[in-house]
Amino acid sequence: MNSNACQSEHHPKNYVEIKIKEQTVKKIEFTMRLFFKLNSFVLKIQKGDIKEIQTGTCEVGGTLEYEGVRIAEKKFEPISLPGSVTVT
């Protein structure tokens, strides 16, 4: 398995309120997008069944947007995932 990616979009209930004289005049809500990409996983297959999954690396990142405009982006160094999983 060379690589596999997934993305998700979140609308957290956290927001920024702008108040004037204790009265809310604007509520700013953000959209958060996260992505995960799994690389170099190996499947061991016997007689058509997956018997073991050997892990590889995972790339992780995300963005923060306001009304469709990206205001922040973060990508992390790939994370090496140790070990393997035996499938019974």
N, C-alpha and C. Protein backbone atom coordinates (compact mmCIF):
# COMPACT_ATOMS: atom_id res chain seq x y z
N MET A 1 0.86 -1.16 0.00
CA MET A 1 0.00 0.00 0.00
C MET A 1 0.91 1.23 0.00
N ASN A 2 0.96 1.94 -1.09
CA ASN A 2 1.87 3.07 -1.20
C ASN A 2 1.48 4.21 -0.27
N SER A 3 0.30 4.78 -0.43
CA SER A 3 -0.16 5.82 0.48
C SER A 3 -1.67 5.88 0.48
N ASN A 4 -2.22 6.38 1.58
CA ASN A 4 -3.66 6.51 1.73
C ASN A 4 -3.91 7.77 2.54
N ALA A 5 -4.81 8.62 2.07
CA ALA A 5 -5.04 9.90 2.74
C ALA A 5 -6.49 10.04 3.17
N CYS A 6 -6.68 10.78 4.25
CA CYS A 6 -8.04 11.14 4.65
C CYS A 6 -8.03 12.58 5.14
N GLN A 7 -9.13 13.25 4.90
CA GLN A 7 -9.29 14.64 5.32
C GLN A 7 -10.58 14.76 6.08
N SER A 8 -10.62 15.73 6.99
CA SER A 8 -11.86 15.98 7.70
C SER A 8 -12.02 17.48 7.91
N GLU A 9 -13.26 17.91 7.96
CA GLU A 9 -13.57 19.33 8.18
C GLU A 9 -14.37 19.45 9.46
N HIS A 10 -14.00 20.42 10.27
CA HIS A 10 -14.64 20.61 11.57
C HIS A 10 -15.08 22.06 11.73
N HIS A 11 -16.20 22.20 12.38
CA HIS A 11 -16.72 23.53 12.72
C HIS A 11 -16.83 23.59 14.24
N PRO A 12 -15.70 23.88 14.89
CA PRO A 12 -15.71 23.86 16.35
C PRO A 12 -16.67 24.89 16.92
N LYS A 13 -17.16 24.59 18.10
CA LYS A 13 -18.10 25.51 18.74
C LYS A 13 -17.36 26.67 19.40
N ASN A 14 -16.03 26.67 19.27
CA ASN A 14 -15.27 27.80 19.77
C ASN A 14 -15.35 28.93 18.76
N TYR A 15 -15.48 30.11 19.23
CA TYR A 15 -15.58 31.27 18.36
C TYR A 15 -15.09 32.49 19.11
N VAL A 16 -14.92 33.56 18.36
CA VAL A 16 -14.52 34.83 18.95
C VAL A 16 -15.73 35.76 18.89
N GLU A 17 -16.05 36.35 20.01
CA GLU A 17 -17.15 37.32 20.06
C GLU A 17 -16.58 38.72 20.17
N ILE A 18 -17.09 39.61 19.35
CA ILE A 18 -16.71 41.01 19.46
C ILE A 18 -17.86 41.72 20.15
N LYS A 19 -17.54 42.38 21.27
CA LYS A 19 -18.56 43.04 22.06
C LYS A 19 -18.26 44.53 22.18
N ILE A 20 -19.31 45.31 22.15
CA ILE A 20 -19.23 46.74 22.42
C ILE A 20 -20.24 47.03 23.52
N LYS A 21 -19.74 47.56 24.62
CA LYS A 21 -20.58 47.85 25.80
C LYS A 21 -21.41 46.63 26.19
N GLU A 22 -20.70 45.49 26.33
CA GLU A 22 -21.31 44.22 26.77
C GLU A 22 -22.32 43.64 25.79
N GLN A 23 -22.46 44.20 24.62
CA GLN A 23 -23.39 43.70 23.60
C GLN A 23 -22.59 43.05 22.47
N THR A 24 -22.92 41.79 22.15
CA THR A 24 -22.23 41.09 21.07
C THR A 24 -22.65 41.71 19.74
N VAL A 25 -21.64 42.17 18.98
CA VAL A 25 -21.93 42.76 17.67
C VAL A 25 -21.50 41.85 16.52
N LYS A 26 -20.61 40.90 16.82
CA LYS A 26 -20.15 39.98 15.78
C LYS A 26 -19.63 38.71 16.44
N LYS A 27 -19.96 37.58 15.85
CA LYS A 27 -19.44 36.29 16.28
C LYS A 27 -18.64 35.73 15.10
N ILE A 28 -17.35 35.47 15.32
CA ILE A 28 -16.49 34.96 14.26
C ILE A 28 -16.26 33.47 14.50
N GLU A 29 -16.71 32.67 13.54
CA GLU A 29 -16.55 31.22 13.63
C GLU A 29 -15.55 30.75 12.58
N PHE A 30 -14.75 29.77 12.95
CA PHE A 30 -13.68 29.28 12.10
C PHE A 30 -13.99 27.87 11.60
N THR A 31 -13.38 27.52 10.47
CA THR A 31 -13.42 26.15 9.94
C THR A 31 -12.02 25.57 10.06
N MET A 32 -11.95 24.37 10.62
CA MET A 32 -10.67 23.69 10.77
C MET A 32 -10.68 22.45 9.88
N ARG A 33 -9.63 22.31 9.07
CA ARG A 33 -9.47 21.15 8.20
C ARG A 33 -8.21 20.40 8.64
N LEU A 34 -8.34 19.09 8.80
CA LEU A 34 -7.22 18.24 9.18
C LEU A 34 -6.97 17.20 8.10
N PHE A 35 -5.71 16.82 7.91
CA PHE A 35 -5.43 15.73 6.98
C PHE A 35 -4.41 14.77 7.59
N PHE A 36 -4.57 13.53 7.21
CA PHE A 36 -3.66 12.45 7.62
C PHE A 36 -3.32 11.66 6.36
N LYS A 37 -2.05 11.39 6.17
CA LYS A 37 -1.62 10.58 5.03
C LYS A 37 -0.72 9.47 5.54
N LEU A 38 -1.16 8.23 5.32
CA LEU A 38 -0.39 7.06 5.73
C LEU A 38 0.46 6.59 4.55
N ASN A 39 1.75 6.40 4.80
CA ASN A 39 2.69 6.01 3.74
C ASN A 39 3.38 4.69 4.08
N SER A 40 3.69 3.94 3.04
CA SER A 40 4.55 2.76 3.11
C SER A 40 4.07 1.67 4.06
N PHE A 41 2.77 1.50 4.17
CA PHE A 41 2.24 0.36 4.93
C PHE A 41 2.36 -0.88 4.05
N VAL A 42 2.63 -2.03 4.67
CA VAL A 42 2.79 -3.28 3.93
C VAL A 42 1.74 -4.27 4.44
N LEU A 43 1.01 -4.87 3.51
CA LEU A 43 0.03 -5.91 3.85
C LEU A 43 0.63 -7.27 3.53
N LYS A 44 0.61 -8.18 4.50
CA LYS A 44 1.02 -9.57 4.24
C LYS A 44 -0.26 -10.37 4.03
N ILE A 45 -0.36 -10.97 2.85
CA ILE A 45 -1.57 -11.67 2.45
C ILE A 45 -1.25 -13.15 2.22
N GLN A 46 -2.10 -14.02 2.79
CA GLN A 46 -1.98 -15.47 2.58
C GLN A 46 -3.33 -16.00 2.15
N LYS A 47 -3.35 -16.70 1.06
CA LYS A 47 -4.58 -17.32 0.54
C LYS A 47 -5.73 -16.32 0.44
N GLY A 48 -5.40 -15.09 0.03
CA GLY A 48 -6.42 -14.07 -0.19
C GLY A 48 -6.86 -13.31 1.05
N ASP A 49 -6.31 -13.64 2.22
CA ASP A 49 -6.67 -12.95 3.46
C ASP A 49 -5.50 -12.11 3.97
N ILE A 50 -5.81 -10.93 4.50
CA ILE A 50 -4.79 -10.10 5.12
C ILE A 50 -4.43 -10.72 6.47
N LYS A 51 -3.15 -11.03 6.66
CA LYS A 51 -2.69 -11.67 7.89
C LYS A 51 -1.92 -10.70 8.79
N GLU A 52 -1.28 -9.69 8.20
CA GLU A 52 -0.49 -8.76 8.99
C GLU A 52 -0.42 -7.41 8.28
N ILE A 53 -0.39 -6.34 9.06
CA ILE A 53 -0.22 -4.99 8.53
C ILE A 53 1.04 -4.42 9.17
N GLN A 54 2.04 -4.13 8.36
CA GLN A 54 3.26 -3.50 8.86
C GLN A 54 3.13 -2.00 8.66
N THR A 55 3.38 -1.26 9.74
CA THR A 55 3.16 0.18 9.70
C THR A 55 4.30 0.90 9.00
N GLY A 56 4.03 2.15 8.62
CA GLY A 56 5.02 2.99 7.93
C GLY A 56 5.10 4.34 8.61
N THR A 57 4.77 5.38 7.86
CA THR A 57 4.81 6.73 8.41
C THR A 57 3.45 7.41 8.23
N CYS A 58 3.26 8.48 9.00
CA CYS A 58 2.03 9.25 8.93
C CYS A 58 2.39 10.73 8.83
N GLU A 59 1.82 11.40 7.84
CA GLU A 59 1.97 12.85 7.71
C GLU A 59 0.69 13.48 8.23
N VAL A 60 0.83 14.55 9.00
CA VAL A 60 -0.32 15.20 9.62
C VAL A 60 -0.22 16.71 9.39
N GLY A 61 -1.35 17.33 9.17
CA GLY A 61 -1.36 18.78 9.01
C GLY A 61 -2.77 19.31 9.13
N GLY A 62 -2.89 20.61 9.06
CA GLY A 62 -4.21 21.20 9.15
C GLY A 62 -4.20 22.66 8.76
N THR A 63 -5.41 23.19 8.56
CA THR A 63 -5.58 24.60 8.24
C THR A 63 -6.70 25.18 9.09
N LEU A 64 -6.67 26.48 9.26
CA LEU A 64 -7.73 27.21 9.93
C LEU A 64 -8.20 28.28 8.95
N GLU A 65 -9.53 28.33 8.73
CA GLU A 65 -10.09 29.24 7.73
C GLU A 65 -11.20 30.08 8.34
N TYR A 66 -11.35 31.25 7.76
CA TYR A 66 -12.48 32.11 8.10
C TYR A 66 -13.13 32.55 6.80
N GLU A 67 -14.39 32.21 6.62
CA GLU A 67 -15.16 32.53 5.41
C GLU A 67 -14.41 32.17 4.13
N GLY A 68 -13.82 30.98 4.14
CA GLY A 68 -13.15 30.46 2.96
C GLY A 68 -11.73 30.97 2.74
N VAL A 69 -11.24 31.82 3.64
CA VAL A 69 -9.88 32.34 3.51
C VAL A 69 -8.98 31.64 4.52
N ARG A 70 -7.91 31.04 4.04
CA ARG A 70 -6.97 30.34 4.92
C ARG A 70 -6.18 31.37 5.72
N ILE A 71 -6.25 31.26 7.04
CA ILE A 71 -5.52 32.21 7.89
C ILE A 71 -4.36 31.55 8.62
N ALA A 72 -4.32 30.23 8.66
CA ALA A 72 -3.21 29.53 9.29
C ALA A 72 -3.09 28.14 8.68
N GLU A 73 -1.86 27.64 8.60
CA GLU A 73 -1.61 26.29 8.09
C GLU A 73 -0.42 25.72 8.85
N LYS A 74 -0.50 24.44 9.17
CA LYS A 74 0.59 23.77 9.88
C LYS A 74 0.76 22.36 9.33
N LYS A 75 1.99 22.02 8.97
CA LYS A 75 2.34 20.66 8.55
C LYS A 75 3.43 20.18 9.49
N PHE A 76 3.31 18.96 9.96
CA PHE A 76 4.27 18.38 10.86
C PHE A 76 5.21 17.44 10.11
N GLU A 77 6.38 17.21 10.68
CA GLU A 77 7.30 16.23 10.12
C GLU A 77 6.63 14.86 10.15
N PRO A 78 6.93 14.00 9.17
CA PRO A 78 6.34 12.66 9.19
C PRO A 78 6.66 11.92 10.50
N ILE A 79 5.69 11.18 10.97
CA ILE A 79 5.82 10.41 12.20
C ILE A 79 6.01 8.94 11.83
N SER A 80 7.08 8.33 12.33
CA SER A 80 7.29 6.89 12.10
C SER A 80 6.41 6.10 13.05
N LEU A 81 5.59 5.22 12.51
CA LEU A 81 4.71 4.39 13.33
C LEU A 81 5.39 3.04 13.54
N PRO A 82 5.61 2.65 14.76
CA PRO A 82 6.35 1.41 15.02
C PRO A 82 5.48 0.16 14.91
N GLY A 83 6.14 -0.94 14.59
CA GLY A 83 5.49 -2.24 14.74
C GLY A 83 4.60 -2.69 13.61
N SER A 84 3.81 -3.71 13.95
CA SER A 84 2.88 -4.30 13.00
C SER A 84 1.65 -4.80 13.76
N VAL A 85 0.61 -5.08 12.98
CA VAL A 85 -0.65 -5.56 13.55
C VAL A 85 -0.95 -6.90 12.93
N THR A 86 -1.16 -7.92 13.77
CA THR A 86 -1.52 -9.23 13.28
C THR A 86 -3.05 -9.30 13.18
N VAL A 87 -3.54 -9.73 12.03
CA VAL A 87 -4.98 -9.84 11.80
C VAL A 87 -5.37 -11.31 11.92
N THR A 88 -6.34 -11.60 12.78
CA THR A 88 -6.76 -13.00 12.95
C THR A 88 -8.12 -13.23 12.39
